[in-house]
Amino acid sequence: MSHLDIRCAGLTDIERVLAFWREAAEGTSISDDHDGVARLVSRDPEALLLAERDGVLVGSVIAGFDGWRCSVYRLAVRPDFRRQGIATALTEAVERRFTALGGRRVDAMVLEDNDRAHRTWASAGFHREDHWRRWVKPLRSPGRPVRPESVTGSR
């Protein structure tokens, strides 16, 4: 098995990442578009981590830190590359990033019905906190209506 490279995404990776998420990620997010990913990468160039093997994008994760909370989104591994340690390598990279930034705890956003993801996060040492529930409200951008399907599946 060849070496796994983990690096930060750049603006030139956006279309490739969006295509990857359509193939490998569960569900959709209201921010799954060019502008959303461009804002993420421009605001925090180290937040979107990509895993590549021989130049092939095989995994991704968003590791956002706002100075208060360490939040993880979009951990995804290409279906034909799963169970090869890629998710583990990405979560370890996330933990190194957050530790270097002074983070104290990591919160992972995980779809309720994604049992595979539950097992992945549990094996990485995370535990479910049932006393929390997420409350969301989509914001309307000028000239951009909120799509109802984006609201229900947003993460």
N, C-alpha and C. Protein backbone atom coordinates (compact mmCIF):
# COMPACT_ATOMS: atom_id res chain seq x y z
N MET A 1 0.84 -1.17 0.00
CA MET A 1 0.00 0.00 0.00
C MET A 1 0.89 1.24 0.00
N SER A 2 0.60 2.18 -0.87
CA SER A 2 1.42 3.37 -0.98
C SER A 2 1.15 4.37 0.15
N HIS A 3 2.02 5.32 0.26
CA HIS A 3 1.99 6.33 1.32
C HIS A 3 0.74 7.20 1.21
N LEU A 4 0.22 7.58 2.36
CA LEU A 4 -0.93 8.49 2.44
C LEU A 4 -0.41 9.88 2.75
N ASP A 5 -0.76 10.85 1.91
CA ASP A 5 -0.38 12.24 2.14
C ASP A 5 -1.60 13.00 2.63
N ILE A 6 -1.42 13.76 3.72
CA ILE A 6 -2.49 14.62 4.22
C ILE A 6 -2.00 16.05 4.10
N ARG A 7 -2.84 16.88 3.47
CA ARG A 7 -2.47 18.28 3.25
C ARG A 7 -3.70 19.16 3.37
N CYS A 8 -3.46 20.44 3.48
CA CYS A 8 -4.55 21.42 3.52
C CYS A 8 -5.02 21.70 2.09
N ALA A 9 -6.31 21.85 1.93
CA ALA A 9 -6.87 22.16 0.62
C ALA A 9 -6.62 23.61 0.26
N GLY A 10 -6.52 23.86 -1.02
CA GLY A 10 -6.40 25.23 -1.53
C GLY A 10 -7.59 25.54 -2.42
N LEU A 11 -7.65 26.76 -2.88
CA LEU A 11 -8.76 27.18 -3.73
C LEU A 11 -8.84 26.36 -5.02
N THR A 12 -7.71 25.89 -5.51
CA THR A 12 -7.72 25.10 -6.75
C THR A 12 -8.29 23.70 -6.55
N ASP A 13 -8.52 23.29 -5.30
CA ASP A 13 -9.05 21.96 -5.00
C ASP A 13 -10.58 21.92 -4.91
N ILE A 14 -11.23 23.06 -4.97
CA ILE A 14 -12.66 23.12 -4.64
C ILE A 14 -13.52 22.19 -5.48
N GLU A 15 -13.43 22.25 -6.78
CA GLU A 15 -14.30 21.41 -7.62
C GLU A 15 -14.02 19.93 -7.39
N ARG A 16 -12.77 19.61 -7.20
CA ARG A 16 -12.38 18.22 -6.92
C ARG A 16 -12.98 17.74 -5.59
N VAL A 17 -12.96 18.60 -4.59
CA VAL A 17 -13.52 18.27 -3.28
C VAL A 17 -15.04 18.09 -3.38
N LEU A 18 -15.70 18.99 -4.09
CA LEU A 18 -17.16 18.88 -4.23
C LEU A 18 -17.54 17.58 -4.94
N ALA A 19 -16.81 17.21 -5.97
CA ALA A 19 -17.06 15.95 -6.66
C ALA A 19 -16.81 14.76 -5.73
N PHE A 20 -15.75 14.85 -4.95
CA PHE A 20 -15.43 13.80 -3.99
C PHE A 20 -16.55 13.63 -2.97
N TRP A 21 -17.06 14.74 -2.42
CA TRP A 21 -18.14 14.66 -1.44
C TRP A 21 -19.39 14.02 -2.03
N ARG A 22 -19.69 14.30 -3.30
CA ARG A 22 -20.86 13.68 -3.93
C ARG A 22 -20.70 12.17 -3.98
N GLU A 23 -19.48 11.70 -4.09
CA GLU A 23 -19.21 10.26 -4.17
C GLU A 23 -19.06 9.62 -2.80
N ALA A 24 -18.40 10.30 -1.87
CA ALA A 24 -17.97 9.64 -0.65
C ALA A 24 -18.68 10.07 0.63
N ALA A 25 -19.29 11.25 0.65
CA ALA A 25 -19.89 11.76 1.89
C ALA A 25 -21.36 11.37 1.98
N GLU A 26 -21.83 11.23 3.18
CA GLU A 26 -23.24 10.94 3.43
C GLU A 26 -23.98 12.26 3.56
N GLY A 27 -25.12 12.36 2.90
CA GLY A 27 -25.94 13.57 3.03
C GLY A 27 -25.33 14.76 2.31
N THR A 28 -26.02 15.86 2.40
CA THR A 28 -25.56 17.11 1.79
C THR A 28 -25.59 18.22 2.83
N SER A 29 -24.91 19.27 2.51
CA SER A 29 -24.87 20.43 3.39
C SER A 29 -25.27 21.66 2.59
N ILE A 30 -25.82 22.62 3.25
CA ILE A 30 -26.22 23.87 2.61
C ILE A 30 -25.00 24.61 2.04
N SER A 31 -23.82 24.27 2.53
CA SER A 31 -22.58 24.92 2.09
C SER A 31 -21.82 24.12 1.05
N ASP A 32 -22.41 23.07 0.53
CA ASP A 32 -21.73 22.23 -0.46
C ASP A 32 -21.80 22.86 -1.85
N ASP A 33 -21.13 23.97 -1.98
CA ASP A 33 -21.03 24.62 -3.29
C ASP A 33 -19.69 25.36 -3.35
N HIS A 34 -19.36 25.82 -4.52
CA HIS A 34 -18.06 26.47 -4.72
C HIS A 34 -17.86 27.63 -3.75
N ASP A 35 -18.87 28.50 -3.62
CA ASP A 35 -18.72 29.66 -2.75
C ASP A 35 -18.53 29.27 -1.29
N GLY A 36 -19.28 28.25 -0.84
CA GLY A 36 -19.15 27.82 0.55
C GLY A 36 -17.77 27.29 0.87
N VAL A 37 -17.24 26.45 0.01
CA VAL A 37 -15.90 25.89 0.25
C VAL A 37 -14.84 26.97 0.08
N ALA A 38 -15.02 27.87 -0.88
CA ALA A 38 -14.06 28.97 -1.06
C ALA A 38 -14.00 29.86 0.18
N ARG A 39 -15.15 30.13 0.79
CA ARG A 39 -15.16 30.93 2.02
C ARG A 39 -14.41 30.22 3.13
N LEU A 40 -14.64 28.91 3.26
CA LEU A 40 -13.94 28.14 4.28
C LEU A 40 -12.44 28.20 4.09
N VAL A 41 -11.97 27.89 2.89
CA VAL A 41 -10.53 27.84 2.62
C VAL A 41 -9.90 29.23 2.72
N SER A 42 -10.62 30.25 2.31
CA SER A 42 -10.07 31.61 2.39
C SER A 42 -10.00 32.10 3.83
N ARG A 43 -11.01 31.77 4.62
CA ARG A 43 -11.05 32.23 6.01
C ARG A 43 -10.05 31.48 6.89
N ASP A 44 -9.95 30.17 6.67
CA ASP A 44 -9.05 29.34 7.47
C ASP A 44 -8.38 28.32 6.55
N PRO A 45 -7.25 28.69 5.97
CA PRO A 45 -6.58 27.83 4.98
C PRO A 45 -6.15 26.46 5.50
N GLU A 46 -6.17 26.24 6.81
CA GLU A 46 -5.77 24.94 7.35
C GLU A 46 -6.95 24.09 7.81
N ALA A 47 -8.18 24.55 7.57
CA ALA A 47 -9.36 23.86 8.10
C ALA A 47 -9.76 22.63 7.28
N LEU A 48 -9.61 22.68 5.98
CA LEU A 48 -10.04 21.56 5.14
C LEU A 48 -8.83 20.70 4.82
N LEU A 49 -8.83 19.50 5.39
CA LEU A 49 -7.73 18.57 5.20
C LEU A 49 -8.11 17.51 4.18
N LEU A 50 -7.17 17.22 3.30
CA LEU A 50 -7.38 16.22 2.26
C LEU A 50 -6.37 15.10 2.43
N ALA A 51 -6.84 13.88 2.23
CA ALA A 51 -5.96 12.71 2.23
C ALA A 51 -5.85 12.23 0.79
N GLU A 52 -4.62 12.04 0.33
CA GLU A 52 -4.37 11.59 -1.04
C GLU A 52 -3.44 10.39 -1.03
N ARG A 53 -3.72 9.47 -1.92
CA ARG A 53 -2.84 8.33 -2.13
C ARG A 53 -2.55 8.27 -3.62
N ASP A 54 -1.28 8.41 -3.98
CA ASP A 54 -0.84 8.42 -5.38
C ASP A 54 -1.61 9.46 -6.20
N GLY A 55 -1.84 10.63 -5.60
CA GLY A 55 -2.51 11.72 -6.29
C GLY A 55 -4.03 11.60 -6.35
N VAL A 56 -4.58 10.52 -5.79
CA VAL A 56 -6.03 10.32 -5.79
C VAL A 56 -6.59 10.81 -4.46
N LEU A 57 -7.62 11.65 -4.52
CA LEU A 57 -8.27 12.14 -3.31
C LEU A 57 -9.08 11.00 -2.71
N VAL A 58 -8.69 10.56 -1.51
CA VAL A 58 -9.33 9.40 -0.88
C VAL A 58 -10.04 9.75 0.42
N GLY A 59 -9.81 10.96 0.96
CA GLY A 59 -10.46 11.33 2.21
C GLY A 59 -10.43 12.82 2.43
N SER A 60 -11.36 13.27 3.27
CA SER A 60 -11.41 14.69 3.63
C SER A 60 -12.00 14.85 5.01
N VAL A 61 -11.71 15.97 5.62
CA VAL A 61 -12.33 16.35 6.88
C VAL A 61 -12.18 17.86 7.04
N ILE A 62 -13.18 18.48 7.63
CA ILE A 62 -13.11 19.90 7.96
C ILE A 62 -12.88 20.00 9.46
N ALA A 63 -11.83 20.71 9.85
CA ALA A 63 -11.45 20.90 11.25
C ALA A 63 -11.52 22.39 11.56
N GLY A 64 -12.69 22.84 11.97
CA GLY A 64 -12.90 24.26 12.23
C GLY A 64 -12.67 24.63 13.69
N PHE A 65 -11.96 25.72 13.90
CA PHE A 65 -11.72 26.21 15.26
C PHE A 65 -11.99 27.70 15.29
N ASP A 66 -12.88 28.11 16.17
CA ASP A 66 -13.25 29.51 16.25
C ASP A 66 -12.64 30.21 17.46
N GLY A 67 -11.70 29.55 18.12
CA GLY A 67 -11.10 30.10 19.32
C GLY A 67 -11.80 29.61 20.58
N TRP A 68 -12.96 29.02 20.42
CA TRP A 68 -13.75 28.52 21.54
C TRP A 68 -14.00 27.02 21.40
N ARG A 69 -14.46 26.63 20.23
CA ARG A 69 -14.81 25.23 20.00
C ARG A 69 -14.03 24.64 18.83
N CYS A 70 -13.72 23.38 18.97
CA CYS A 70 -13.11 22.59 17.89
C CYS A 70 -14.22 21.75 17.28
N SER A 71 -14.54 22.00 16.04
CA SER A 71 -15.65 21.31 15.39
C SER A 71 -15.17 20.58 14.15
N VAL A 72 -15.66 19.35 13.99
CA VAL A 72 -15.27 18.52 12.86
C VAL A 72 -16.50 18.22 12.01
N TYR A 73 -16.33 18.37 10.70
CA TYR A 73 -17.39 18.12 9.75
C TYR A 73 -16.81 17.36 8.56
N ARG A 74 -17.67 16.71 7.83
CA ARG A 74 -17.33 16.16 6.51
C ARG A 74 -16.19 15.16 6.51
N LEU A 75 -16.07 14.34 7.56
CA LEU A 75 -15.12 13.24 7.50
C LEU A 75 -15.68 12.25 6.48
N ALA A 76 -14.95 12.05 5.41
CA ALA A 76 -15.40 11.16 4.35
C ALA A 76 -14.20 10.43 3.77
N VAL A 77 -14.43 9.17 3.43
CA VAL A 77 -13.41 8.35 2.78
C VAL A 77 -14.06 7.70 1.57
N ARG A 78 -13.34 7.74 0.46
CA ARG A 78 -13.85 7.10 -0.77
C ARG A 78 -14.22 5.65 -0.48
N PRO A 79 -15.40 5.22 -0.93
CA PRO A 79 -15.86 3.86 -0.60
C PRO A 79 -14.85 2.76 -0.89
N ASP A 80 -14.13 2.81 -1.99
CA ASP A 80 -13.18 1.74 -2.32
C ASP A 80 -11.86 1.85 -1.57
N PHE A 81 -11.73 2.86 -0.68
CA PHE A 81 -10.52 3.01 0.13
C PHE A 81 -10.82 2.91 1.62
N ARG A 82 -12.03 2.54 1.98
CA ARG A 82 -12.39 2.45 3.40
C ARG A 82 -11.71 1.25 4.05
N ARG A 83 -11.58 1.33 5.36
CA ARG A 83 -10.97 0.28 6.19
C ARG A 83 -9.48 0.11 5.89
N GLN A 84 -8.85 1.25 5.55
CA GLN A 84 -7.40 1.25 5.30
C GLN A 84 -6.68 2.26 6.20
N GLY A 85 -7.35 2.76 7.24
CA GLY A 85 -6.72 3.68 8.17
C GLY A 85 -6.79 5.14 7.77
N ILE A 86 -7.51 5.46 6.71
CA ILE A 86 -7.56 6.84 6.23
C ILE A 86 -8.34 7.73 7.19
N ALA A 87 -9.49 7.28 7.66
CA ALA A 87 -10.26 8.07 8.63
C ALA A 87 -9.46 8.27 9.91
N THR A 88 -8.74 7.23 10.33
CA THR A 88 -7.90 7.35 11.53
C THR A 88 -6.81 8.39 11.32
N ALA A 89 -6.15 8.36 10.18
CA ALA A 89 -5.09 9.33 9.90
C ALA A 89 -5.65 10.75 9.88
N LEU A 90 -6.84 10.92 9.30
CA LEU A 90 -7.46 12.25 9.26
C LEU A 90 -7.86 12.73 10.65
N THR A 91 -8.44 11.86 11.47
CA THR A 91 -8.83 12.29 12.82
C THR A 91 -7.60 12.60 13.66
N GLU A 92 -6.52 11.87 13.47
CA GLU A 92 -5.27 12.19 14.18
C GLU A 92 -4.72 13.54 13.74
N ALA A 93 -4.81 13.85 12.45
CA ALA A 93 -4.36 15.16 11.95
C ALA A 93 -5.22 16.27 12.54
N VAL A 94 -6.52 16.02 12.64
CA VAL A 94 -7.44 16.99 13.25
C VAL A 94 -7.03 17.25 14.70
N GLU A 95 -6.77 16.19 15.44
CA GLU A 95 -6.40 16.35 16.84
C GLU A 95 -5.10 17.11 16.99
N ARG A 96 -4.13 16.86 16.12
CA ARG A 96 -2.87 17.61 16.17
C ARG A 96 -3.12 19.10 15.91
N ARG A 97 -3.96 19.40 14.91
CA ARG A 97 -4.29 20.80 14.60
C ARG A 97 -4.92 21.48 15.80
N PHE A 98 -5.93 20.85 16.37
CA PHE A 98 -6.64 21.48 17.49
C PHE A 98 -5.75 21.61 18.73
N THR A 99 -4.93 20.63 19.00
CA THR A 99 -4.02 20.71 20.14
C THR A 99 -3.05 21.88 19.96
N ALA A 100 -2.52 22.04 18.77
CA ALA A 100 -1.59 23.15 18.49
C ALA A 100 -2.28 24.51 18.64
N LEU A 101 -3.58 24.55 18.38
CA LEU A 101 -4.33 25.80 18.49
C LEU A 101 -4.84 26.06 19.92
N GLY A 102 -4.61 25.12 20.82
CA GLY A 102 -5.06 25.28 22.20
C GLY A 102 -6.46 24.77 22.46
N GLY A 103 -6.99 23.98 21.56
CA GLY A 103 -8.33 23.43 21.75
C GLY A 103 -8.39 22.48 22.93
N ARG A 104 -9.60 22.34 23.50
CA ARG A 104 -9.77 21.50 24.68
C ARG A 104 -10.66 20.29 24.46
N ARG A 105 -11.55 20.38 23.48
CA ARG A 105 -12.47 19.28 23.21
C ARG A 105 -12.89 19.37 21.75
N VAL A 106 -13.10 18.21 21.14
CA VAL A 106 -13.52 18.17 19.75
C VAL A 106 -14.98 17.71 19.67
N ASP A 107 -15.78 18.46 18.93
CA ASP A 107 -17.16 18.08 18.65
C ASP A 107 -17.24 17.65 17.19
N ALA A 108 -17.79 16.47 16.96
CA ALA A 108 -17.96 15.97 15.59
C ALA A 108 -19.44 15.98 15.23
N MET A 109 -19.75 16.55 14.07
CA MET A 109 -21.12 16.53 13.56
C MET A 109 -21.30 15.23 12.79
N VAL A 110 -22.26 14.41 13.22
CA VAL A 110 -22.47 13.09 12.63
C VAL A 110 -23.97 12.91 12.40
N LEU A 111 -24.32 12.50 11.20
CA LEU A 111 -25.73 12.25 10.90
C LEU A 111 -26.27 11.15 11.81
N GLU A 112 -27.45 11.35 12.32
CA GLU A 112 -28.08 10.41 13.25
C GLU A 112 -28.19 8.99 12.69
N ASP A 113 -28.51 8.86 11.42
CA ASP A 113 -28.73 7.53 10.86
C ASP A 113 -27.51 6.94 10.14
N ASN A 114 -26.33 7.51 10.35
CA ASN A 114 -25.11 7.01 9.71
C ASN A 114 -24.36 6.10 10.69
N ASP A 115 -24.80 4.84 10.76
CA ASP A 115 -24.21 3.90 11.71
C ASP A 115 -22.72 3.66 11.48
N ARG A 116 -22.30 3.65 10.20
CA ARG A 116 -20.88 3.46 9.90
C ARG A 116 -20.06 4.58 10.53
N ALA A 117 -20.55 5.82 10.42
CA ALA A 117 -19.84 6.95 11.01
C ALA A 117 -19.82 6.85 12.53
N HIS A 118 -20.90 6.39 13.12
CA HIS A 118 -20.93 6.24 14.59
C HIS A 118 -19.82 5.30 15.03
N ARG A 119 -19.66 4.19 14.31
CA ARG A 119 -18.60 3.23 14.66
C ARG A 119 -17.21 3.85 14.46
N THR A 120 -17.05 4.62 13.40
CA THR A 120 -15.76 5.27 13.12
C THR A 120 -15.39 6.23 14.24
N TRP A 121 -16.33 7.09 14.62
CA TRP A 121 -16.04 8.07 15.68
C TRP A 121 -15.81 7.37 17.01
N ALA A 122 -16.59 6.35 17.32
CA ALA A 122 -16.39 5.61 18.58
C ALA A 122 -15.01 4.98 18.62
N SER A 123 -14.57 4.41 17.50
CA SER A 123 -13.24 3.78 17.48
C SER A 123 -12.12 4.80 17.61
N ALA A 124 -12.43 6.07 17.30
CA ALA A 124 -11.43 7.14 17.43
C ALA A 124 -11.45 7.75 18.84
N GLY A 125 -12.29 7.20 19.73
CA GLY A 125 -12.32 7.66 21.12
C GLY A 125 -13.39 8.69 21.42
N PHE A 126 -14.27 8.96 20.48
CA PHE A 126 -15.36 9.91 20.70
C PHE A 126 -16.54 9.18 21.34
N HIS A 127 -17.36 9.93 22.07
CA HIS A 127 -18.58 9.36 22.62
C HIS A 127 -19.75 10.30 22.32
N ARG A 128 -20.91 9.71 22.24
CA ARG A 128 -22.13 10.44 21.94
C ARG A 128 -22.62 11.18 23.19
N GLU A 129 -23.06 12.39 23.01
CA GLU A 129 -23.67 13.16 24.10
C GLU A 129 -25.14 13.34 23.78
N ASP A 130 -25.97 12.51 24.34
CA ASP A 130 -27.38 12.52 24.03
C ASP A 130 -28.14 13.72 24.61
N HIS A 131 -27.56 14.41 25.56
CA HIS A 131 -28.27 15.54 26.16
C HIS A 131 -28.19 16.81 25.31
N TRP A 132 -27.43 16.79 24.21
CA TRP A 132 -27.34 17.93 23.30
C TRP A 132 -28.18 17.66 22.06
N ARG A 133 -28.78 18.66 21.53
CA ARG A 133 -29.45 18.62 20.24
C ARG A 133 -29.04 19.85 19.47
N ARG A 134 -28.91 19.69 18.21
CA ARG A 134 -28.51 20.79 17.34
C ARG A 134 -29.74 21.56 16.90
N TRP A 135 -29.69 22.88 16.96
CA TRP A 135 -30.75 23.76 16.51
C TRP A 135 -30.19 24.56 15.36
N VAL A 136 -30.88 24.61 14.25
CA VAL A 136 -30.37 25.30 13.07
C VAL A 136 -31.38 26.28 12.52
N LYS A 137 -30.86 27.29 11.88
CA LYS A 137 -31.68 28.24 11.15
C LYS A 137 -30.87 28.69 9.94
N PRO A 138 -31.29 28.33 8.74
CA PRO A 138 -30.56 28.77 7.54
C PRO A 138 -30.69 30.29 7.38
N LEU A 139 -29.63 30.89 6.92
CA LEU A 139 -29.63 32.32 6.65
C LEU A 139 -29.82 32.56 5.17
N ARG A 140 -30.55 33.57 4.84
CA ARG A 140 -30.75 33.93 3.44
C ARG A 140 -29.68 34.92 3.02
N SER A 141 -29.03 34.60 1.94
CA SER A 141 -28.07 35.53 1.35
C SER A 141 -28.80 36.36 0.31
N PRO A 142 -28.40 37.60 0.10
CA PRO A 142 -29.05 38.39 -0.94
C PRO A 142 -28.98 37.68 -2.29
N GLY A 143 -30.14 37.52 -2.91
CA GLY A 143 -30.18 36.90 -4.23
C GLY A 143 -30.05 35.39 -4.23
N ARG A 144 -30.02 34.78 -3.06
CA ARG A 144 -29.85 33.33 -2.99
C ARG A 144 -30.91 32.75 -2.05
N PRO A 145 -31.98 32.19 -2.59
CA PRO A 145 -33.03 31.63 -1.73
C PRO A 145 -32.55 30.37 -1.02
N VAL A 146 -33.14 30.10 0.12
CA VAL A 146 -32.86 28.88 0.84
C VAL A 146 -33.63 27.74 0.18
N ARG A 147 -32.92 26.67 -0.14
CA ARG A 147 -33.57 25.49 -0.75
C ARG A 147 -34.03 24.58 0.39
N PRO A 148 -35.31 24.23 0.41
CA PRO A 148 -35.81 23.38 1.50
C PRO A 148 -35.04 22.08 1.67
N GLU A 149 -34.60 21.44 0.57
CA GLU A 149 -33.86 20.18 0.69
C GLU A 149 -32.51 20.39 1.34
N SER A 150 -31.95 21.59 1.25
CA SER A 150 -30.67 21.87 1.87
C SER A 150 -30.81 22.04 3.37
N VAL A 151 -31.96 22.48 3.81
CA VAL A 151 -32.18 22.73 5.21
C VAL A 151 -32.27 21.42 5.98
N THR A 152 -33.03 20.47 5.47
CA THR A 152 -33.23 19.23 6.20
C THR A 152 -31.99 18.37 6.25
N GLY A 153 -31.14 18.43 5.26
CA GLY A 153 -29.95 17.60 5.24
C GLY A 153 -28.70 18.33 5.64
N SER A 154 -28.81 19.59 6.07
CA SER A 154 -27.61 20.37 6.36
C SER A 154 -26.93 19.86 7.61
N ARG A 155 -25.60 20.05 7.63
CA ARG A 155 -24.81 19.63 8.79
C ARG A 155 -24.04 20.79 9.31
